Amino acid sequence: MTLSAPPDEQTARARGVHAMFFVVTPDPAGLARLASLVDQGRLRPVVSQVFPLSEGRRAFESGSRPRPPGKTVLTVR
């Protein structure tokens, strides 16, 4: 789900959940550093499953079912 404004805290509390709003700022230098660590073998991402981009919906829906730990990856090429 994508939010464009902070969630209503009273509604979240009434439903027994903790709602949080945050904004992610792009960091090209940080991403390049992470890529370098992966290339050096010093950082190993854990991949749970891989889908072609054409199966993006199936990949998204897979998050609602049990699966091995790790990230879901969409391949673009």
C-alpha atoms as a PDB file:
ATOM      1  CA  MET A   1       0.000   0.000   0.000  1.00  0.00           C
ATOM      2  CA  THR A   2       1.227   3.512  -0.751  1.00  0.00           C
ATOM      3  CA  LEU A   3       0.283   6.424   1.451  1.00  0.00           C
ATOM      4  CA  SER A   4       0.510  10.067   0.448  1.00  0.00           C
ATOM      5  CA  ALA A   5      -0.011  11.342   3.991  1.00  0.00           C
ATOM      6  CA  PRO A   6       0.525  10.040   7.531  1.00  0.00           C
ATOM      7  CA  PRO A   7      -2.045   7.379   8.540  1.00  0.00           C
ATOM      8  CA  ASP A   8      -4.734   8.223  11.052  1.00  0.00           C
ATOM      9  CA  GLU A   9      -3.367   7.087  14.434  1.00  0.00           C
ATOM     10  CA  GLN A  10      -6.807   6.669  16.036  1.00  0.00           C
ATOM     11  CA  THR A  11      -7.992   4.386  13.228  1.00  0.00           C
ATOM     12  CA  ALA A  12      -4.817   2.321  13.452  1.00  0.00           C
ATOM     13  CA  ARG A  13      -5.091   2.016  17.236  1.00  0.00           C
ATOM     14  CA  ALA A  14      -8.772   1.006  16.962  1.00  0.00           C
ATOM     15  CA  ARG A  15      -7.717  -1.814  14.631  1.00  0.00           C
ATOM     16  CA  GLY A  16      -4.890  -2.916  16.892  1.00  0.00           C
ATOM     17  CA  VAL A  17      -2.057  -1.968  14.557  1.00  0.00           C
ATOM     18  CA  HIS A  18       0.863   0.419  14.664  1.00  0.00           C
ATOM     19  CA  ALA A  19       0.859   2.696  11.614  1.00  0.00           C
ATOM     20  CA  MET A  20       3.969   4.560  10.537  1.00  0.00           C
ATOM     21  CA  PHE A  21       4.687   7.082   7.799  1.00  0.00           C
ATOM     22  CA  PHE A  22       8.153   7.644   6.386  1.00  0.00           C
ATOM     23  CA  VAL A  23       9.743   8.961   3.221  1.00  0.00           C
ATOM     24  CA  VAL A  24      12.696   7.272   1.559  1.00  0.00           C
ATOM     25  CA  THR A  25      15.220   9.609  -0.016  1.00  0.00           C
ATOM     26  CA  PRO A  26      17.187   8.249  -2.984  1.00  0.00           C
ATOM     27  CA  ASP A  27      20.874   7.768  -2.177  1.00  0.00           C
ATOM     28  CA  PRO A  28      22.861   6.880  -5.329  1.00  0.00           C
ATOM     29  CA  ALA A  29      26.201   6.855  -3.480  1.00  0.00           C
ATOM     30  CA  GLY A  30      24.860   4.501  -0.821  1.00  0.00           C
ATOM     31  CA  LEU A  31      23.393   2.202  -3.457  1.00  0.00           C
ATOM     32  CA  ALA A  32      26.720   2.174  -5.341  1.00  0.00           C
ATOM     33  CA  ARG A  33      28.502   1.253  -2.087  1.00  0.00           C
ATOM     34  CA  LEU A  34      26.087  -1.643  -1.488  1.00  0.00           C
ATOM     35  CA  ALA A  35      26.568  -2.841  -5.083  1.00  0.00           C
ATOM     36  CA  SER A  36      30.326  -2.737  -4.566  1.00  0.00           C
ATOM     37  CA  LEU A  37      30.043  -4.830  -1.399  1.00  0.00           C
ATOM     38  CA  VAL A  38      27.935  -7.386  -3.281  1.00  0.00           C
ATOM     39  CA  ASP A  39      30.476  -7.459  -6.141  1.00  0.00           C
ATOM     40  CA  GLN A  40      33.280  -8.047  -3.608  1.00  0.00           C
ATOM     41  CA  GLY A  41      31.345 -10.877  -1.987  1.00  0.00           C
ATOM     42  CA  ARG A  42      31.265  -9.018   1.333  1.00  0.00           C
ATOM     43  CA  LEU A  43      27.474  -8.635   1.275  1.00  0.00           C
ATOM     44  CA  ARG A  44      25.195 -11.450   0.208  1.00  0.00           C
ATOM     45  CA  PRO A  45      21.570 -10.563  -0.389  1.00  0.00           C
ATOM     46  CA  VAL A  46      19.121 -13.336   0.476  1.00  0.00           C
ATOM     47  CA  VAL A  47      16.762 -14.009  -2.420  1.00  0.00           C
ATOM     48  CA  SER A  48      13.598 -15.951  -1.700  1.00  0.00           C
ATOM     49  CA  GLN A  49      12.113 -16.069  -5.165  1.00  0.00           C
ATOM     50  CA  VAL A  50      12.577 -14.626  -8.652  1.00  0.00           C
ATOM     51  CA  PHE A  51       9.881 -13.674 -11.154  1.00  0.00           C
ATOM     52  CA  PRO A  52      10.062 -12.152 -14.635  1.00  0.00           C
ATOM     53  CA  LEU A  53       8.679  -8.602 -14.759  1.00  0.00           C
ATOM     54  CA  SER A  54       5.703  -9.911 -16.745  1.00  0.00           C
ATOM     55  CA  GLU A  55       4.655 -11.830 -13.598  1.00  0.00           C
ATOM     56  CA  GLY A  56       4.827  -8.800 -11.304  1.00  0.00           C
ATOM     57  CA  ARG A  57       1.296  -9.288 -10.055  1.00  0.00           C
ATOM     58  CA  ARG A  58       2.015 -12.912  -9.103  1.00  0.00           C
ATOM     59  CA  ALA A  59       5.190 -11.791  -7.340  1.00  0.00           C
ATOM     60  CA  PHE A  60       3.272  -9.173  -5.348  1.00  0.00           C
ATOM     61  CA  GLU A  61       0.528 -11.619  -4.413  1.00  0.00           C
ATOM     62  CA  SER A  62       3.102 -14.182  -3.273  1.00  0.00           C
ATOM     63  CA  GLY A  63       3.808 -11.948  -0.277  1.00  0.00           C
ATOM     64  CA  SER A  64       0.518 -12.994   1.276  1.00  0.00           C
ATOM     65  CA  ARG A  65       1.544 -16.681   1.371  1.00  0.00           C
ATOM     66  CA  PRO A  66       4.239 -18.458   3.384  1.00  0.00           C
ATOM     67  CA  ARG A  67       7.604 -18.533   1.610  1.00  0.00           C
ATOM     68  CA  PRO A  68      11.285 -18.868   2.465  1.00  0.00           C
ATOM     69  CA  PRO A  69      12.971 -15.836   4.059  1.00  0.00           C
ATOM     70  CA  GLY A  70      14.499 -13.317   1.680  1.00  0.00           C
ATOM     71  CA  LYS A  71      13.589 -10.800  -0.959  1.00  0.00           C
ATOM     72  CA  THR A  72      11.358 -11.268  -3.956  1.00  0.00           C
ATOM     73  CA  VAL A  73      13.165 -10.203  -7.124  1.00  0.00           C
ATOM     74  CA  LEU A  74      11.698  -9.120 -10.457  1.00  0.00           C
ATOM     75  CA  THR A  75      13.991  -9.666 -13.445  1.00  0.00           C
ATOM     76  CA  VAL A  76      13.823  -6.951 -16.078  1.00  0.00           C
ATOM     77  CA  ARG A  77      16.004  -8.455 -18.808  1.00  0.00           C
END
